[in-house]
Amino acid sequence: MNLGLKMARLEKRHTQKELAKAVGVTPKYISLLEATGVLPRASLMKKIAAELGCPVQELFFNEKER
């Protein structure tokens, strides 16, 4: 589970659909990332981090979650 991504998205008040559109993926893919902890390619990690205003590390590699 990727709580860092979900929490940052909710904090910025983005729906999965809004975030997906902003970074060029489907809402289902954002859901997959949040639910499973699957890591996207590096370029997409950077786009998501920029859109949410958070460091990549905080969104995808938060050691507190593991």
N, C-alpha and C. Protein backbone atom coordinates (compact mmCIF):
# COMPACT_ATOMS: atom_id res chain seq x y z
N MET A 1 0.84 -1.19 0.00
CA MET A 1 0.00 0.00 0.00
C MET A 1 0.88 1.24 0.00
N ASN A 2 0.48 2.23 -0.75
CA ASN A 2 1.28 3.44 -0.84
C ASN A 2 0.54 4.61 -0.17
N LEU A 3 0.66 4.67 1.14
CA LEU A 3 -0.06 5.70 1.90
C LEU A 3 0.49 7.09 1.64
N GLY A 4 1.78 7.21 1.35
CA GLY A 4 2.37 8.52 1.10
C GLY A 4 1.71 9.21 -0.08
N LEU A 5 1.53 8.48 -1.15
CA LEU A 5 0.90 9.02 -2.35
C LEU A 5 -0.55 9.39 -2.06
N LYS A 6 -1.28 8.49 -1.46
CA LYS A 6 -2.70 8.75 -1.19
C LYS A 6 -2.87 9.94 -0.25
N MET A 7 -2.09 9.99 0.81
CA MET A 7 -2.22 11.09 1.77
C MET A 7 -1.88 12.44 1.12
N ALA A 8 -0.83 12.47 0.31
CA ALA A 8 -0.45 13.71 -0.36
C ALA A 8 -1.55 14.14 -1.34
N ARG A 9 -2.12 13.17 -2.06
CA ARG A 9 -3.19 13.49 -3.02
C ARG A 9 -4.39 14.07 -2.28
N LEU A 10 -4.78 13.45 -1.19
CA LEU A 10 -5.93 13.93 -0.43
C LEU A 10 -5.65 15.29 0.20
N GLU A 11 -4.43 15.49 0.67
CA GLU A 11 -4.06 16.78 1.26
C GLU A 11 -4.17 17.91 0.24
N LYS A 12 -3.83 17.62 -1.01
CA LYS A 12 -3.93 18.62 -2.08
C LYS A 12 -5.34 18.69 -2.67
N ARG A 13 -6.23 17.85 -2.12
CA ARG A 13 -7.63 17.81 -2.55
C ARG A 13 -7.80 17.46 -4.02
N HIS A 14 -6.98 16.54 -4.47
CA HIS A 14 -7.10 16.00 -5.83
C HIS A 14 -7.85 14.67 -5.75
N THR A 15 -8.74 14.46 -6.71
CA THR A 15 -9.30 13.13 -6.86
C THR A 15 -8.30 12.30 -7.65
N GLN A 16 -8.49 11.00 -7.66
CA GLN A 16 -7.63 10.15 -8.49
C GLN A 16 -7.75 10.56 -9.95
N LYS A 17 -8.94 10.90 -10.36
CA LYS A 17 -9.19 11.32 -11.75
C LYS A 17 -8.42 12.60 -12.08
N GLU A 18 -8.45 13.56 -11.19
CA GLU A 18 -7.75 14.84 -11.43
C GLU A 18 -6.24 14.63 -11.50
N LEU A 19 -5.70 13.85 -10.57
CA LEU A 19 -4.27 13.59 -10.58
C LEU A 19 -3.86 12.83 -11.84
N ALA A 20 -4.65 11.84 -12.18
CA ALA A 20 -4.36 11.05 -13.37
C ALA A 20 -4.31 11.93 -14.62
N LYS A 21 -5.29 12.79 -14.76
CA LYS A 21 -5.33 13.68 -15.93
C LYS A 21 -4.12 14.61 -15.95
N ALA A 22 -3.74 15.12 -14.80
CA ALA A 22 -2.61 16.05 -14.72
C ALA A 22 -1.28 15.42 -15.10
N VAL A 23 -1.13 14.12 -14.82
CA VAL A 23 0.15 13.46 -15.11
C VAL A 23 0.10 12.52 -16.30
N GLY A 24 -1.06 12.40 -16.94
CA GLY A 24 -1.16 11.63 -18.19
C GLY A 24 -1.31 10.13 -18.05
N VAL A 25 -2.03 9.70 -17.01
CA VAL A 25 -2.32 8.27 -16.85
C VAL A 25 -3.82 8.12 -16.57
N THR A 26 -4.26 6.89 -16.39
CA THR A 26 -5.67 6.66 -16.08
C THR A 26 -5.91 6.70 -14.57
N PRO A 27 -7.13 7.01 -14.17
CA PRO A 27 -7.46 6.95 -12.74
C PRO A 27 -7.23 5.55 -12.17
N LYS A 28 -7.47 4.53 -12.97
CA LYS A 28 -7.23 3.15 -12.51
C LYS A 28 -5.76 2.94 -12.15
N TYR A 29 -4.87 3.57 -12.91
CA TYR A 29 -3.45 3.41 -12.62
C TYR A 29 -3.08 4.10 -11.30
N ILE A 30 -3.65 5.27 -11.06
CA ILE A 30 -3.40 5.95 -9.78
C ILE A 30 -3.93 5.07 -8.64
N SER A 31 -5.11 4.48 -8.82
CA SER A 31 -5.67 3.58 -7.82
C SER A 31 -4.74 2.39 -7.57
N LEU A 32 -4.20 1.83 -8.63
CA LEU A 32 -3.27 0.71 -8.51
C LEU A 32 -2.03 1.11 -7.71
N LEU A 33 -1.49 2.28 -8.01
CA LEU A 33 -0.30 2.76 -7.29
C LEU A 33 -0.59 2.91 -5.80
N GLU A 34 -1.74 3.48 -5.48
CA GLU A 34 -2.09 3.70 -4.08
C GLU A 34 -2.39 2.39 -3.34
N ALA A 35 -3.07 1.48 -4.00
CA ALA A 35 -3.53 0.27 -3.34
C ALA A 35 -2.45 -0.80 -3.19
N THR A 36 -1.53 -0.85 -4.12
CA THR A 36 -0.57 -1.96 -4.12
C THR A 36 0.85 -1.56 -3.78
N GLY A 37 1.17 -0.30 -3.93
CA GLY A 37 2.56 0.10 -3.70
C GLY A 37 3.46 -0.15 -4.89
N VAL A 38 2.88 -0.52 -6.03
CA VAL A 38 3.66 -0.68 -7.26
C VAL A 38 4.33 0.65 -7.56
N LEU A 39 5.57 0.60 -8.00
CA LEU A 39 6.29 1.83 -8.31
C LEU A 39 6.20 2.14 -9.80
N PRO A 40 5.81 3.36 -10.15
CA PRO A 40 5.79 3.76 -11.56
C PRO A 40 7.21 4.04 -12.05
N ARG A 41 7.34 4.24 -13.35
CA ARG A 41 8.66 4.61 -13.90
C ARG A 41 9.10 5.94 -13.29
N ALA A 42 10.40 6.17 -13.30
CA ALA A 42 10.98 7.34 -12.63
C ALA A 42 10.40 8.65 -13.17
N SER A 43 10.21 8.74 -14.47
CA SER A 43 9.68 9.98 -15.05
C SER A 43 8.27 10.28 -14.53
N LEU A 44 7.47 9.25 -14.34
CA LEU A 44 6.12 9.45 -13.80
C LEU A 44 6.17 9.80 -12.32
N MET A 45 7.10 9.20 -11.58
CA MET A 45 7.25 9.56 -10.17
C MET A 45 7.52 11.06 -10.05
N LYS A 46 8.38 11.57 -10.92
CA LYS A 46 8.73 13.00 -10.89
C LYS A 46 7.52 13.87 -11.23
N LYS A 47 6.72 13.46 -12.21
CA LYS A 47 5.53 14.23 -12.59
C LYS A 47 4.53 14.28 -11.43
N ILE A 48 4.31 13.13 -10.81
CA ILE A 48 3.37 13.06 -9.69
C ILE A 48 3.87 13.92 -8.53
N ALA A 49 5.14 13.81 -8.23
CA ALA A 49 5.71 14.60 -7.13
C ALA A 49 5.58 16.09 -7.41
N ALA A 50 5.85 16.50 -8.64
CA ALA A 50 5.73 17.91 -9.00
C ALA A 50 4.29 18.39 -8.88
N GLU A 51 3.35 17.57 -9.34
CA GLU A 51 1.94 17.93 -9.27
C GLU A 51 1.45 18.07 -7.82
N LEU A 52 1.96 17.21 -6.94
CA LEU A 52 1.53 17.23 -5.55
C LEU A 52 2.41 18.10 -4.66
N GLY A 53 3.52 18.60 -5.22
CA GLY A 53 4.41 19.46 -4.45
C GLY A 53 5.12 18.74 -3.32
N CYS A 54 5.45 17.48 -3.54
CA CYS A 54 6.12 16.65 -2.52
C CYS A 54 7.36 15.99 -3.13
N PRO A 55 8.34 15.68 -2.31
CA PRO A 55 9.50 14.94 -2.81
C PRO A 55 9.11 13.51 -3.20
N VAL A 56 9.75 12.99 -4.23
CA VAL A 56 9.52 11.61 -4.67
C VAL A 56 9.70 10.65 -3.50
N GLN A 57 10.74 10.86 -2.73
CA GLN A 57 11.05 9.99 -1.58
C GLN A 57 9.85 9.89 -0.64
N GLU A 58 9.22 10.99 -0.37
CA GLU A 58 8.09 11.02 0.57
C GLU A 58 6.88 10.27 0.01
N LEU A 59 6.67 10.35 -1.29
CA LEU A 59 5.51 9.72 -1.91
C LEU A 59 5.66 8.22 -2.09
N PHE A 60 6.86 7.78 -2.46
CA PHE A 60 7.03 6.39 -2.89
C PHE A 60 7.97 5.55 -2.03
N PHE A 61 8.78 6.16 -1.20
CA PHE A 61 9.79 5.40 -0.46
C PHE A 61 9.78 5.74 1.02
N ASN A 62 8.62 5.95 1.58
CA ASN A 62 8.50 6.31 2.98
C ASN A 62 8.75 5.07 3.84
N GLU A 63 9.86 5.05 4.54
CA GLU A 63 10.25 3.89 5.35
C GLU A 63 9.29 3.63 6.50
N LYS A 64 8.57 4.65 6.97
CA LYS A 64 7.64 4.46 8.08
C LYS A 64 6.51 3.52 7.73
N GLU A 65 6.20 3.39 6.44
CA GLU A 65 5.10 2.54 6.00
C GLU A 65 5.51 1.07 5.98
N ARG A 66 6.79 0.76 5.96
CA ARG A 66 7.24 -0.63 5.77
C ARG A 66 7.70 -1.27 7.01
